C-alpha atoms as a PDB file:
ATOM      1  CA  MET A   1     223.834 -73.727  28.931  1.00  0.00           C
ATOM      2  CA  SER A   2     221.576 -74.534  26.757  1.00  0.00           C
ATOM      3  CA  GLU A   3     221.126 -72.666  22.927  1.00  0.00           C
ATOM      4  CA  LYS A   4     218.691 -69.895  23.323  1.00  0.00           C
ATOM      5  CA  TYR A   5     215.955 -70.356  19.540  1.00  0.00           C
ATOM      6  CA  TYR A   6     214.995 -67.202  19.739  1.00  0.00           C
ATOM      7  CA  ARG A   7     215.532 -63.775  21.305  1.00  0.00           C
ATOM      8  CA  GLU A   8     214.906 -61.419  24.221  1.00  0.00           C
ATOM      9  CA  PRO A   9     212.118 -59.176  23.368  1.00  0.00           C
ATOM     10  CA  ASP A  10     212.954 -55.585  24.184  1.00  0.00           C
ATOM     11  CA  SER A  11     211.857 -54.992  27.528  1.00  0.00           C
ATOM     12  CA  LYS A  12     211.181 -51.308  27.088  1.00  0.00           C
ATOM     13  CA  LEU A  13     208.378 -52.542  24.096  1.00  0.00           C
ATOM     14  CA  THR A  14     204.552 -52.918  25.871  1.00  0.00           C
ATOM     15  CA  LEU A  15     202.857 -56.506  25.042  1.00  0.00           C
ATOM     16  CA  LYS A  16     201.068 -54.919  21.924  1.00  0.00           C
ATOM     17  CA  GLU A  17     203.742 -53.455  20.610  1.00  0.00           C
ATOM     18  CA  ILE A  18     205.564 -57.196  21.191  1.00  0.00           C
ATOM     19  CA  SER A  19     201.893 -58.486  19.154  1.00  0.00           C
ATOM     20  CA  ASN A  20     202.219 -56.130  16.844  1.00  0.00           C
ATOM     21  CA  GLN A  21     205.876 -56.815  15.773  1.00  0.00           C
ATOM     22  CA  ILE A  22     204.772 -60.465  15.453  1.00  0.00           C
ATOM     23  CA  ARG A  23     201.778 -60.264  13.795  1.00  0.00           C
ATOM     24  CA  LYS A  24     204.087 -58.665  11.014  1.00  0.00           C
ATOM     25  CA  TYR A  25     206.361 -61.016  10.750  1.00  0.00           C
ATOM     26  CA  TRP A  26     203.866 -64.012  10.272  1.00  0.00           C
ATOM     27  CA  ASP A  27     202.370 -61.041   7.416  1.00  0.00           C
ATOM     28  CA  GLU A  28     205.373 -60.525   5.982  1.00  0.00           C
ATOM     29  CA  ASN A  29     206.800 -64.259   5.736  1.00  0.00           C
ATOM     30  CA  ASN A  30     203.229 -66.406   5.026  1.00  0.00           C
ATOM     31  CA  ILE A  31     203.620 -68.235   8.214  1.00  0.00           C
ATOM     32  CA  PHE A  32     200.212 -68.832   8.650  1.00  0.00           C
ATOM     33  CA  ASN A  33     200.225 -70.023   4.757  1.00  0.00           C
ATOM     34  CA  LYS A  34     203.231 -72.114   5.501  1.00  0.00           C
ATOM     35  CA  VAL A  35     201.817 -74.056   8.081  1.00  0.00           C
ATOM     36  CA  ASN A  36     198.373 -75.100   6.352  1.00  0.00           C
ATOM     37  CA  ASP A  37     200.913 -76.048   3.544  1.00  0.00           C
ATOM     38  CA  ARG A  38     202.969 -78.302   5.089  1.00  0.00           C
ATOM     39  CA  THR A  39     199.784 -79.954   6.970  1.00  0.00           C
ATOM     40  CA  ARG A  40     197.152 -80.154   4.418  1.00  0.00           C
ATOM     41  CA  PHE A  41     196.723 -83.521   3.930  1.00  0.00           C
ATOM     42  CA  ASP A  42     197.913 -84.646   7.932  1.00  0.00           C
ATOM     43  CA  LYS A  43     194.815 -85.907   9.454  1.00  0.00           C
ATOM     44  CA  GLU A  44     195.193 -83.888  12.337  1.00  0.00           C
ATOM     45  CA  PHE A  45     196.093 -80.458  12.405  1.00  0.00           C
ATOM     46  CA  ILE A  46     196.211 -79.233  16.287  1.00  0.00           C
ATOM     47  CA  PHE A  47     197.787 -75.188  16.568  1.00  0.00           C
ATOM     48  CA  LEU A  48     198.741 -74.068  19.688  1.00  0.00           C
ATOM     49  CA  GLU A  49     199.729 -70.190  20.109  1.00  0.00           C
ATOM     50  CA  GLY A  50     202.462 -69.615  22.252  1.00  0.00           C
ATOM     51  CA  PRO A  51     202.740 -68.247  26.274  1.00  0.00           C
ATOM     52  CA  PRO A  52     199.067 -67.290  27.120  1.00  0.00           C
ATOM     53  CA  THR A  53     198.063 -63.295  26.501  1.00  0.00           C
ATOM     54  CA  ALA A  54     198.192 -60.415  28.910  1.00  0.00           C
ATOM     55  CA  ASN A  55     194.197 -61.162  29.654  1.00  0.00           C
ATOM     56  CA  GLY A  56     193.857 -65.008  29.905  1.00  0.00           C
END
């Protein structure tokens, strides 16, 4: 079995709570700016959001 690169979410959390945790992690770790800094000299940048959201 291949190694997992993520931890399983707490199944007791709601989708809103999971989304808030992800947003908090991105904010605390400055992820958006790190992605922009890493790719700012690339010719094209495509951002693919994770799995589809509950509302489609």
